[in-house]
Amino acid sequence: MAKKAKTNKRQVILEEAAKLFKAKGFGGTSMRDLGSQVGMEAASMYNHISSKDDILESICFHVSNTYISQLHEIEQLPVSYVDKLKALIRLHIRLMIEDGAAVSVANNDWKYLSPDKLQQFKDARKTYEKGFAELIEQGIAAGEFQPVNVSVALFTILSAVRWVELWYRPGRGITAEELEENIMTILLNGLAK
């Protein structure tokens, strides 16, 4: 029972840290800020985490591992490359909607990782981008996608969904599902009728 409570408290700390890092940046957030946010003395938090760097590492690698594991699952689906690409785009949108603070931290504060973890994170990003690019290449080879530069396609898609974490929230006049469909239409079909 104590282990489960410790795990749950650690998860709360990570979730609140992601929100604070998103709002104030990694460098602008102190352990005291975080302790205040979770209702604990900063010293007590060390029963659940080892350092602020540990928190950043946990958040960044949780996000990168989610993207990579989902990419591997999507690659194995017995569907068209168009449907695989749609699944990857939906993954990005859903993660940003459901866990936007953590995605924001992984997108913006990764550069504060310790040198060895920084290299591991960069390698994970390259692995993901390479797998995503290969999916686009295979779709082009199969005649499902326009014959465009793969890097341009990859980074256009990734850039085109990144703003969701900054902009979307309930009350914007669009549901999460409508947002997904709008982005999918624009990315896969363009605006021209």
N, C-alpha and C. Protein backbone atom coordinates (compact mmCIF):
# COMPACT_ATOMS: atom_id res chain seq x y z
N MET A 1 0.83 -1.19 0.00
CA MET A 1 0.00 0.00 0.00
C MET A 1 0.87 1.25 0.00
N ALA A 2 1.96 1.25 0.80
CA ALA A 2 2.83 2.42 0.87
C ALA A 2 3.50 2.68 -0.46
N LYS A 3 3.89 1.61 -1.17
CA LYS A 3 4.53 1.78 -2.48
C LYS A 3 3.58 2.43 -3.47
N LYS A 4 2.29 2.02 -3.46
CA LYS A 4 1.31 2.61 -4.37
C LYS A 4 1.11 4.09 -4.06
N ALA A 5 1.04 4.45 -2.78
CA ALA A 5 0.89 5.85 -2.39
C ALA A 5 2.10 6.66 -2.83
N LYS A 6 3.29 6.06 -2.69
CA LYS A 6 4.52 6.75 -3.11
C LYS A 6 4.51 6.96 -4.63
N THR A 7 4.08 5.93 -5.38
CA THR A 7 4.00 6.03 -6.83
C THR A 7 3.00 7.11 -7.23
N ASN A 8 1.84 7.12 -6.58
CA ASN A 8 0.83 8.12 -6.91
C ASN A 8 1.33 9.53 -6.60
N LYS A 9 2.02 9.71 -5.48
CA LYS A 9 2.55 11.02 -5.12
C LYS A 9 3.61 11.45 -6.14
N ARG A 10 4.44 10.51 -6.55
CA ARG A 10 5.45 10.82 -7.58
C ARG A 10 4.76 11.28 -8.86
N GLN A 11 3.69 10.59 -9.24
CA GLN A 11 2.97 10.97 -10.46
C GLN A 11 2.38 12.37 -10.34
N VAL A 12 1.83 12.68 -9.18
CA VAL A 12 1.28 14.03 -8.95
C VAL A 12 2.40 15.06 -9.06
N ILE A 13 3.55 14.76 -8.47
CA ILE A 13 4.68 15.68 -8.56
C ILE A 13 5.08 15.90 -10.01
N LEU A 14 5.16 14.82 -10.79
CA LEU A 14 5.54 14.94 -12.20
C LEU A 14 4.52 15.76 -12.98
N GLU A 15 3.23 15.52 -12.74
CA GLU A 15 2.19 16.25 -13.46
C GLU A 15 2.22 17.74 -13.12
N GLU A 16 2.36 18.05 -11.85
CA GLU A 16 2.39 19.45 -11.43
C GLU A 16 3.68 20.12 -11.89
N ALA A 17 4.78 19.39 -11.87
CA ALA A 17 6.05 19.93 -12.37
C ALA A 17 5.93 20.28 -13.85
N ALA A 18 5.30 19.40 -14.62
CA ALA A 18 5.13 19.68 -16.05
C ALA A 18 4.36 20.98 -16.26
N LYS A 19 3.30 21.17 -15.47
CA LYS A 19 2.52 22.41 -15.58
C LYS A 19 3.36 23.64 -15.22
N LEU A 20 4.13 23.52 -14.14
CA LEU A 20 4.98 24.64 -13.74
C LEU A 20 6.09 24.91 -14.75
N PHE A 21 6.73 23.84 -15.24
CA PHE A 21 7.79 24.01 -16.24
C PHE A 21 7.23 24.66 -17.49
N LYS A 22 6.02 24.26 -17.88
CA LYS A 22 5.40 24.86 -19.06
C LYS A 22 5.15 26.35 -18.83
N ALA A 23 4.65 26.69 -17.66
CA ALA A 23 4.31 28.08 -17.36
C ALA A 23 5.54 28.95 -17.10
N LYS A 24 6.51 28.41 -16.35
CA LYS A 24 7.64 29.23 -15.90
C LYS A 24 8.98 28.82 -16.51
N GLY A 25 8.99 27.70 -17.22
CA GLY A 25 10.25 27.18 -17.73
C GLY A 25 10.94 26.35 -16.66
N PHE A 26 11.80 25.43 -17.10
CA PHE A 26 12.54 24.58 -16.17
C PHE A 26 13.41 25.43 -15.24
N GLY A 27 14.14 26.36 -15.84
CA GLY A 27 15.04 27.20 -15.05
C GLY A 27 14.31 28.14 -14.11
N GLY A 28 13.10 28.52 -14.44
CA GLY A 28 12.34 29.47 -13.63
C GLY A 28 11.51 28.83 -12.54
N THR A 29 11.55 27.51 -12.45
CA THR A 29 10.76 26.79 -11.45
C THR A 29 11.69 26.24 -10.37
N SER A 30 11.40 26.57 -9.13
CA SER A 30 12.22 26.06 -8.02
C SER A 30 11.51 24.87 -7.38
N MET A 31 12.25 24.12 -6.62
CA MET A 31 11.66 23.00 -5.87
C MET A 31 10.66 23.54 -4.86
N ARG A 32 10.90 24.72 -4.35
CA ARG A 32 9.97 25.35 -3.43
C ARG A 32 8.65 25.65 -4.14
N ASP A 33 8.72 26.15 -5.39
CA ASP A 33 7.51 26.39 -6.19
C ASP A 33 6.73 25.09 -6.34
N LEU A 34 7.45 24.04 -6.67
CA LEU A 34 6.82 22.75 -6.89
C LEU A 34 6.22 22.21 -5.60
N GLY A 35 6.95 22.32 -4.51
CA GLY A 35 6.44 21.87 -3.22
C GLY A 35 5.16 22.59 -2.86
N SER A 36 5.13 23.88 -3.07
CA SER A 36 3.93 24.68 -2.80
C SER A 36 2.76 24.20 -3.66
N GLN A 37 3.05 23.88 -4.92
CA GLN A 37 2.02 23.43 -5.86
C GLN A 37 1.40 22.09 -5.45
N VAL A 38 2.23 21.20 -4.90
CA VAL A 38 1.73 19.87 -4.53
C VAL A 38 1.42 19.75 -3.04
N GLY A 39 1.60 20.84 -2.29
CA GLY A 39 1.27 20.82 -0.86
C GLY A 39 2.26 20.05 -0.02
N MET A 40 3.53 20.12 -0.39
CA MET A 40 4.58 19.43 0.37
C MET A 40 5.75 20.38 0.58
N GLU A 41 6.51 20.12 1.62
CA GLU A 41 7.78 20.83 1.79
C GLU A 41 8.72 20.31 0.70
N ALA A 42 9.55 21.19 0.20
CA ALA A 42 10.49 20.78 -0.85
C ALA A 42 11.32 19.58 -0.40
N ALA A 43 11.76 19.58 0.85
CA ALA A 43 12.58 18.48 1.36
C ALA A 43 11.81 17.16 1.35
N SER A 44 10.51 17.19 1.60
CA SER A 44 9.69 15.97 1.62
C SER A 44 9.55 15.36 0.24
N MET A 45 9.62 16.19 -0.78
CA MET A 45 9.48 15.67 -2.15
C MET A 45 10.60 14.72 -2.51
N TYR A 46 11.74 14.86 -1.84
CA TYR A 46 12.87 13.99 -2.16
C TYR A 46 12.64 12.54 -1.74
N ASN A 47 11.55 12.28 -1.01
CA ASN A 47 11.14 10.90 -0.75
C ASN A 47 10.56 10.27 -2.01
N HIS A 48 10.16 11.11 -2.97
CA HIS A 48 9.49 10.63 -4.18
C HIS A 48 10.29 10.86 -5.46
N ILE A 49 11.18 11.82 -5.41
CA ILE A 49 12.02 12.13 -6.58
C ILE A 49 13.44 12.40 -6.08
N SER A 50 14.42 12.27 -6.95
CA SER A 50 15.80 12.49 -6.49
C SER A 50 16.28 13.91 -6.75
N SER A 51 15.70 14.60 -7.76
CA SER A 51 16.14 15.96 -8.06
C SER A 51 15.21 16.59 -9.09
N LYS A 52 15.39 17.87 -9.30
CA LYS A 52 14.64 18.55 -10.35
C LYS A 52 15.03 17.97 -11.72
N ASP A 53 16.31 17.62 -11.87
CA ASP A 53 16.77 16.99 -13.11
C ASP A 53 16.07 15.65 -13.34
N ASP A 54 15.85 14.90 -12.26
CA ASP A 54 15.13 13.63 -12.34
C ASP A 54 13.71 13.85 -12.86
N ILE A 55 13.08 14.91 -12.41
CA ILE A 55 11.72 15.23 -12.86
C ILE A 55 11.73 15.52 -14.35
N LEU A 56 12.65 16.38 -14.78
CA LEU A 56 12.73 16.74 -16.20
C LEU A 56 12.99 15.50 -17.05
N GLU A 57 13.91 14.68 -16.61
CA GLU A 57 14.23 13.44 -17.33
C GLU A 57 12.99 12.54 -17.44
N SER A 58 12.29 12.36 -16.33
CA SER A 58 11.09 11.51 -16.34
C SER A 58 10.04 12.02 -17.32
N ILE A 59 9.82 13.33 -17.31
CA ILE A 59 8.82 13.91 -18.21
C ILE A 59 9.24 13.75 -19.66
N CYS A 60 10.47 14.15 -19.97
CA CYS A 60 10.94 14.09 -21.37
C CYS A 60 10.93 12.68 -21.93
N PHE A 61 11.43 11.72 -21.14
CA PHE A 61 11.51 10.35 -21.66
C PHE A 61 10.14 9.66 -21.66
N HIS A 62 9.25 10.06 -20.78
CA HIS A 62 7.88 9.54 -20.86
C HIS A 62 7.27 9.92 -22.20
N VAL A 63 7.42 11.18 -22.60
CA VAL A 63 6.86 11.65 -23.86
C VAL A 63 7.55 10.97 -25.04
N SER A 64 8.88 10.96 -25.06
CA SER A 64 9.57 10.35 -26.20
C SER A 64 9.30 8.86 -26.30
N ASN A 65 9.25 8.17 -25.18
CA ASN A 65 8.95 6.73 -25.20
C ASN A 65 7.53 6.46 -25.69
N THR A 66 6.60 7.34 -25.34
CA THR A 66 5.22 7.20 -25.82
C THR A 66 5.18 7.33 -27.34
N TYR A 67 5.83 8.36 -27.86
CA TYR A 67 5.85 8.56 -29.32
C TYR A 67 6.49 7.36 -30.03
N ILE A 68 7.62 6.90 -29.52
CA ILE A 68 8.33 5.80 -30.18
C ILE A 68 7.54 4.50 -30.11
N SER A 69 6.97 4.18 -28.95
CA SER A 69 6.21 2.93 -28.85
C SER A 69 4.96 2.98 -29.73
N GLN A 70 4.31 4.14 -29.79
CA GLN A 70 3.13 4.27 -30.65
C GLN A 70 3.52 4.18 -32.13
N LEU A 71 4.64 4.76 -32.50
CA LEU A 71 5.13 4.66 -33.87
C LEU A 71 5.33 3.19 -34.24
N HIS A 72 5.97 2.42 -33.36
CA HIS A 72 6.21 1.00 -33.64
C HIS A 72 4.90 0.24 -33.80
N GLU A 73 3.91 0.56 -32.96
CA GLU A 73 2.60 -0.09 -33.09
C GLU A 73 1.94 0.29 -34.41
N ILE A 74 2.00 1.55 -34.77
CA ILE A 74 1.37 2.03 -36.01
C ILE A 74 2.05 1.42 -37.23
N GLU A 75 3.37 1.29 -37.18
CA GLU A 75 4.11 0.69 -38.31
C GLU A 75 3.62 -0.73 -38.60
N GLN A 76 3.19 -1.45 -37.57
CA GLN A 76 2.78 -2.85 -37.72
C GLN A 76 1.32 -3.01 -38.17
N LEU A 77 0.56 -1.94 -38.15
CA LEU A 77 -0.86 -2.05 -38.53
C LEU A 77 -1.01 -2.48 -39.98
N PRO A 78 -1.96 -3.38 -40.26
CA PRO A 78 -2.18 -3.82 -41.64
C PRO A 78 -3.13 -2.87 -42.38
N VAL A 79 -2.70 -1.59 -42.46
CA VAL A 79 -3.52 -0.56 -43.11
C VAL A 79 -2.66 0.21 -44.11
N SER A 80 -3.29 1.08 -44.87
CA SER A 80 -2.56 1.89 -45.85
C SER A 80 -1.61 2.86 -45.16
N TYR A 81 -0.68 3.40 -45.96
CA TYR A 81 0.24 4.40 -45.41
C TYR A 81 -0.50 5.69 -45.06
N VAL A 82 -1.54 5.99 -45.80
CA VAL A 82 -2.37 7.15 -45.47
C VAL A 82 -2.98 6.96 -44.08
N ASP A 83 -3.50 5.79 -43.81
CA ASP A 83 -4.09 5.54 -42.49
C ASP A 83 -3.03 5.52 -41.39
N LYS A 84 -1.84 5.04 -41.69
CA LYS A 84 -0.75 5.08 -40.71
C LYS A 84 -0.37 6.52 -40.41
N LEU A 85 -0.28 7.34 -41.44
CA LEU A 85 0.05 8.75 -41.24
C LEU A 85 -1.04 9.44 -40.43
N LYS A 86 -2.29 9.15 -40.73
CA LYS A 86 -3.40 9.71 -39.95
C LYS A 86 -3.29 9.31 -38.48
N ALA A 87 -2.94 8.07 -38.23
CA ALA A 87 -2.81 7.59 -36.85
C ALA A 87 -1.68 8.33 -36.12
N LEU A 88 -0.57 8.59 -36.81
CA LEU A 88 0.52 9.32 -36.18
C LEU A 88 0.13 10.77 -35.89
N ILE A 89 -0.54 11.40 -36.83
CA ILE A 89 -0.99 12.78 -36.62
C ILE A 89 -1.97 12.83 -35.45
N ARG A 90 -2.90 11.88 -35.41
CA ARG A 90 -3.86 11.83 -34.29
C ARG A 90 -3.14 11.63 -32.96
N LEU A 91 -2.11 10.79 -32.95
CA LEU A 91 -1.32 10.57 -31.75
C LEU A 91 -0.76 11.90 -31.23
N HIS A 92 -0.16 12.68 -32.13
CA HIS A 92 0.41 13.96 -31.73
C HIS A 92 -0.67 14.88 -31.14
N ILE A 93 -1.77 14.97 -31.83
CA ILE A 93 -2.84 15.86 -31.37
C ILE A 93 -3.38 15.40 -30.03
N ARG A 94 -3.64 14.12 -29.89
CA ARG A 94 -4.21 13.61 -28.63
C ARG A 94 -3.26 13.80 -27.46
N LEU A 95 -1.97 13.52 -27.67
CA LEU A 95 -1.01 13.71 -26.58
C LEU A 95 -0.95 15.18 -26.16
N MET A 96 -1.02 16.07 -27.13
CA MET A 96 -0.98 17.49 -26.80
C MET A 96 -2.24 17.93 -26.06
N ILE A 97 -3.36 17.34 -26.41
CA ILE A 97 -4.61 17.69 -25.73
C ILE A 97 -4.66 17.05 -24.34
N GLU A 98 -4.29 15.79 -24.24
CA GLU A 98 -4.42 15.05 -22.98
C GLU A 98 -3.26 15.28 -22.01
N ASP A 99 -2.07 15.56 -22.54
CA ASP A 99 -0.89 15.71 -21.69
C ASP A 99 -0.03 16.87 -22.20
N GLY A 100 -0.70 17.98 -22.50
CA GLY A 100 -0.05 19.12 -23.14
C GLY A 100 1.12 19.69 -22.37
N ALA A 101 1.03 19.72 -21.04
CA ALA A 101 2.13 20.28 -20.26
C ALA A 101 3.39 19.43 -20.43
N ALA A 102 3.25 18.12 -20.35
CA ALA A 102 4.42 17.24 -20.51
C ALA A 102 4.99 17.34 -21.93
N VAL A 103 4.12 17.39 -22.93
CA VAL A 103 4.59 17.54 -24.31
C VAL A 103 5.33 18.86 -24.47
N SER A 104 4.80 19.91 -23.88
CA SER A 104 5.46 21.22 -23.93
C SER A 104 6.85 21.16 -23.32
N VAL A 105 6.97 20.50 -22.18
CA VAL A 105 8.27 20.37 -21.52
C VAL A 105 9.23 19.59 -22.42
N ALA A 106 8.76 18.48 -22.99
CA ALA A 106 9.62 17.68 -23.87
C ALA A 106 10.02 18.46 -25.12
N ASN A 107 9.13 19.33 -25.60
CA ASN A 107 9.43 20.13 -26.79
C ASN A 107 10.34 21.32 -26.50
N ASN A 108 10.26 21.87 -25.30
CA ASN A 108 10.94 23.13 -25.03
C ASN A 108 12.06 23.09 -24.00
N ASP A 109 11.98 22.19 -23.02
CA ASP A 109 12.96 22.19 -21.93
C ASP A 109 13.95 21.04 -22.00
N TRP A 110 13.89 20.20 -23.03
CA TRP A 110 14.78 19.07 -23.15
C TRP A 110 16.25 19.49 -23.13
N LYS A 111 16.53 20.70 -23.58
CA LYS A 111 17.92 21.17 -23.65
C LYS A 111 18.58 21.30 -22.28
N TYR A 112 17.77 21.25 -21.20
CA TYR A 112 18.29 21.34 -19.84
C TYR A 112 18.61 19.97 -19.24
N LEU A 113 18.42 18.90 -20.01
CA LEU A 113 18.77 17.57 -19.53
C LEU A 113 20.28 17.50 -19.29
N SER A 114 20.70 16.63 -18.37
CA SER A 114 22.14 16.43 -18.13
C SER A 114 22.78 15.92 -19.42
N PRO A 115 24.08 16.16 -19.62
CA PRO A 115 24.71 15.82 -20.91
C PRO A 115 24.45 14.40 -21.41
N ASP A 116 24.56 13.38 -20.55
CA ASP A 116 24.33 12.01 -21.02
C ASP A 116 22.86 11.78 -21.38
N LYS A 117 21.96 12.33 -20.58
CA LYS A 117 20.53 12.19 -20.87
C LYS A 117 20.14 13.02 -22.09
N LEU A 118 20.80 14.16 -22.26
CA LEU A 118 20.55 15.00 -23.42
C LEU A 118 20.85 14.24 -24.70
N GLN A 119 21.97 13.53 -24.73
CA GLN A 119 22.32 12.76 -25.92
C GLN A 119 21.32 11.62 -26.14
N GLN A 120 20.91 10.95 -25.07
CA GLN A 120 19.91 9.89 -25.20
C GLN A 120 18.60 10.44 -25.75
N PHE A 121 18.21 11.61 -25.27
CA PHE A 121 16.96 12.22 -25.73
C PHE A 121 17.07 12.61 -27.20
N LYS A 122 18.20 13.20 -27.59
CA LYS A 122 18.41 13.55 -29.00
C LYS A 122 18.36 12.30 -29.87
N ASP A 123 18.96 11.22 -29.39
CA ASP A 123 18.94 9.96 -30.13
C ASP A 123 17.51 9.44 -30.27
N ALA A 124 16.72 9.55 -29.19
CA ALA A 124 15.32 9.11 -29.24
C ALA A 124 14.54 9.95 -30.25
N ARG A 125 14.77 11.24 -30.27
CA ARG A 125 14.08 12.11 -31.25
C ARG A 125 14.47 11.70 -32.67
N LYS A 126 15.75 11.44 -32.89
CA LYS A 126 16.21 11.04 -34.23
C LYS A 126 15.58 9.71 -34.63
N THR A 127 15.47 8.79 -33.68
CA THR A 127 14.85 7.49 -33.95
C THR A 127 13.40 7.69 -34.39
N TYR A 128 12.68 8.54 -33.68
CA TYR A 128 11.29 8.80 -34.00
C TYR A 128 11.17 9.47 -35.38
N GLU A 129 11.96 10.50 -35.60
CA GLU A 129 11.90 11.22 -36.87
C GLU A 129 12.27 10.31 -38.03
N LYS A 130 13.25 9.43 -37.82
CA LYS A 130 13.66 8.49 -38.87
C LYS A 130 12.51 7.52 -39.20
N GLY A 131 11.87 6.99 -38.17
CA GLY A 131 10.75 6.09 -38.39
C GLY A 131 9.58 6.77 -39.07
N PHE A 132 9.28 7.99 -38.69
CA PHE A 132 8.20 8.78 -39.29
C PHE A 132 8.55 9.05 -40.76
N ALA A 133 9.81 9.44 -41.03
CA ALA A 133 10.25 9.71 -42.40
C ALA A 133 10.17 8.45 -43.26
N GLU A 134 10.54 7.31 -42.69
CA GLU A 134 10.46 6.05 -43.45
C GLU A 134 9.02 5.72 -43.83
N LEU A 135 8.11 6.01 -42.94
CA LEU A 135 6.69 5.78 -43.25
C LEU A 135 6.26 6.66 -44.43
N ILE A 136 6.71 7.91 -44.44
CA ILE A 136 6.39 8.81 -45.56
C ILE A 136 7.03 8.30 -46.84
N GLU A 137 8.30 7.89 -46.76
CA GLU A 137 9.01 7.35 -47.94
C GLU A 137 8.27 6.14 -48.51
N GLN A 138 7.86 5.25 -47.62
CA GLN A 138 7.15 4.05 -48.07
C GLN A 138 5.81 4.41 -48.71
N GLY A 139 5.14 5.41 -48.16
CA GLY A 139 3.87 5.87 -48.74
C GLY A 139 4.06 6.48 -50.11
N ILE A 140 5.17 7.19 -50.30
CA ILE A 140 5.48 7.76 -51.62
C ILE A 140 5.77 6.63 -52.59
N ALA A 141 6.60 5.67 -52.16
CA ALA A 141 6.96 4.54 -53.03
C ALA A 141 5.73 3.72 -53.41
N ALA A 142 4.75 3.64 -52.50
CA ALA A 142 3.53 2.88 -52.77
C ALA A 142 2.53 3.68 -53.61
N GLY A 143 2.85 4.93 -53.91
CA GLY A 143 1.96 5.77 -54.71
C GLY A 143 0.80 6.36 -53.93
N GLU A 144 0.86 6.31 -52.60
CA GLU A 144 -0.23 6.86 -51.78
C GLU A 144 -0.03 8.34 -51.46
N PHE A 145 1.23 8.82 -51.51
CA PHE A 145 1.53 10.21 -51.22
C PHE A 145 2.16 10.87 -52.44
N GLN A 146 2.04 12.18 -52.49
CA GLN A 146 2.70 12.95 -53.54
C GLN A 146 4.21 12.76 -53.43
N PRO A 147 4.93 12.80 -54.56
CA PRO A 147 6.38 12.63 -54.51
C PRO A 147 7.07 13.93 -54.07
N VAL A 148 7.06 14.19 -52.78
CA VAL A 148 7.65 15.41 -52.22
C VAL A 148 8.92 15.05 -51.46
N ASN A 149 9.67 16.07 -51.08
CA ASN A 149 10.86 15.86 -50.26
C ASN A 149 10.40 15.35 -48.89
N VAL A 150 10.95 14.23 -48.49
CA VAL A 150 10.51 13.57 -47.26
C VAL A 150 10.76 14.44 -46.02
N SER A 151 11.92 15.09 -45.96
CA SER A 151 12.21 15.95 -44.80
C SER A 151 11.25 17.12 -44.73
N VAL A 152 10.93 17.71 -45.87
CA VAL A 152 9.97 18.82 -45.88
C VAL A 152 8.61 18.33 -45.39
N ALA A 153 8.18 17.16 -45.86
CA ALA A 153 6.90 16.62 -45.43
C ALA A 153 6.91 16.34 -43.92
N LEU A 154 7.96 15.69 -43.45
CA LEU A 154 8.07 15.34 -42.03
C LEU A 154 7.99 16.57 -41.13
N PHE A 155 8.84 17.56 -41.41
CA PHE A 155 8.90 18.70 -40.51
C PHE A 155 7.72 19.65 -40.70
N THR A 156 7.10 19.63 -41.86
CA THR A 156 5.86 20.40 -42.03
C THR A 156 4.77 19.81 -41.15
N ILE A 157 4.64 18.50 -41.16
CA ILE A 157 3.62 17.83 -40.34
C ILE A 157 3.89 18.07 -38.85
N LEU A 158 5.13 17.83 -38.43
CA LEU A 158 5.45 18.00 -37.01
C LEU A 158 5.24 19.46 -36.56
N SER A 159 5.64 20.39 -37.40
CA SER A 159 5.44 21.81 -37.06
C SER A 159 3.96 22.18 -37.07
N ALA A 160 3.23 21.56 -37.97
CA ALA A 160 1.81 21.89 -38.11
C ALA A 160 0.96 21.41 -36.94
N VAL A 161 1.44 20.45 -36.19
CA VAL A 161 0.66 19.98 -35.03
C VAL A 161 1.21 20.52 -33.71
N ARG A 162 2.40 21.05 -33.73
CA ARG A 162 3.03 21.47 -32.47
C ARG A 162 2.29 22.62 -31.77
N TRP A 163 1.67 23.49 -32.52
CA TRP A 163 0.98 24.64 -31.92
C TRP A 163 -0.23 24.24 -31.09
N VAL A 164 -0.73 23.02 -31.27
CA VAL A 164 -1.93 22.58 -30.55
C VAL A 164 -1.74 22.70 -29.04
N GLU A 165 -0.56 22.33 -28.53
CA GLU A 165 -0.31 22.39 -27.09
C GLU A 165 -0.40 23.81 -26.55
N LEU A 166 -0.13 24.79 -27.37
CA LEU A 166 -0.19 26.18 -26.93
C LEU A 166 -1.58 26.78 -27.05
N TRP A 167 -2.35 26.33 -28.03
CA TRP A 167 -3.60 26.99 -28.37
C TRP A 167 -4.85 26.28 -27.85
N TYR A 168 -4.90 24.97 -27.99
CA TYR A 168 -6.15 24.27 -27.72
C TYR A 168 -6.48 24.18 -26.24
N ARG A 169 -7.72 24.42 -25.94
CA ARG A 169 -8.31 24.15 -24.62
C ARG A 169 -9.82 24.15 -24.83
N PRO A 170 -10.55 23.45 -23.99
CA PRO A 170 -12.00 23.48 -24.11
C PRO A 170 -12.50 24.93 -24.05
N GLY A 171 -13.51 25.20 -24.82
CA GLY A 171 -14.04 26.56 -24.85
C GLY A 171 -13.55 27.36 -26.04
N ARG A 172 -12.74 26.78 -26.88
CA ARG A 172 -12.24 27.45 -28.07
C ARG A 172 -13.25 27.38 -29.22
N GLY A 173 -14.39 26.76 -28.97
CA GLY A 173 -15.39 26.66 -30.03
C GLY A 173 -15.17 25.50 -30.98
N ILE A 174 -14.31 24.56 -30.57
CA ILE A 174 -14.04 23.39 -31.40
C ILE A 174 -13.72 22.23 -30.46
N THR A 175 -14.33 21.08 -30.74
CA THR A 175 -14.05 19.91 -29.92
C THR A 175 -12.70 19.32 -30.33
N ALA A 176 -12.17 18.44 -29.49
CA ALA A 176 -10.92 17.76 -29.81
C ALA A 176 -11.06 16.97 -31.12
N GLU A 177 -12.21 16.34 -31.29
CA GLU A 177 -12.44 15.54 -32.51
C GLU A 177 -12.50 16.43 -33.75
N GLU A 178 -13.17 17.57 -33.64
CA GLU A 178 -13.24 18.51 -34.77
C GLU A 178 -11.86 19.07 -35.08
N LEU A 179 -11.09 19.34 -34.05
CA LEU A 179 -9.72 19.82 -34.25
C LEU A 179 -8.91 18.80 -35.03
N GLU A 180 -8.99 17.54 -34.62
CA GLU A 180 -8.28 16.46 -35.33
C GLU A 180 -8.69 16.42 -36.80
N GLU A 181 -9.98 16.45 -37.04
CA GLU A 181 -10.48 16.36 -38.42
C GLU A 181 -10.05 17.56 -39.26
N ASN A 182 -10.10 18.75 -38.68
CA ASN A 182 -9.66 19.95 -39.39
C ASN A 182 -8.18 19.86 -39.76
N ILE A 183 -7.36 19.48 -38.80
CA ILE A 183 -5.92 19.37 -39.06
C ILE A 183 -5.66 18.30 -40.10
N MET A 184 -6.35 17.17 -39.98
CA MET A 184 -6.17 16.07 -40.93
C MET A 184 -6.54 16.53 -42.34
N THR A 185 -7.65 17.23 -42.48
CA THR A 185 -8.08 17.71 -43.79
C THR A 185 -7.05 18.64 -44.40
N ILE A 186 -6.58 19.59 -43.61
CA ILE A 186 -5.62 20.57 -44.12
C ILE A 186 -4.30 19.89 -44.49
N LEU A 187 -3.79 19.01 -43.62
CA LEU A 187 -2.50 18.37 -43.89
C LEU A 187 -2.55 17.38 -45.05
N LEU A 188 -3.64 16.64 -45.15
CA LEU A 188 -3.68 15.59 -46.17
C LEU A 188 -4.33 16.03 -47.47
N ASN A 189 -5.21 17.04 -47.41
CA ASN A 189 -5.93 17.44 -48.62
C ASN A 189 -5.71 18.91 -49.00
N GLY A 190 -5.18 19.71 -48.09
CA GLY A 190 -4.98 21.13 -48.36
C GLY A 190 -6.29 21.90 -48.18
N LEU A 191 -6.23 23.19 -48.43
CA LEU A 191 -7.41 24.04 -48.29
C LEU A 191 -8.21 24.17 -49.58
N ALA A 192 -7.55 24.01 -50.70
CA ALA A 192 -8.24 24.21 -51.99
C ALA A 192 -9.29 23.13 -52.18
N LYS A 193 -10.44 23.55 -52.71
CA LYS A 193 -11.52 22.59 -52.99
C LYS A 193 -11.27 21.90 -54.30
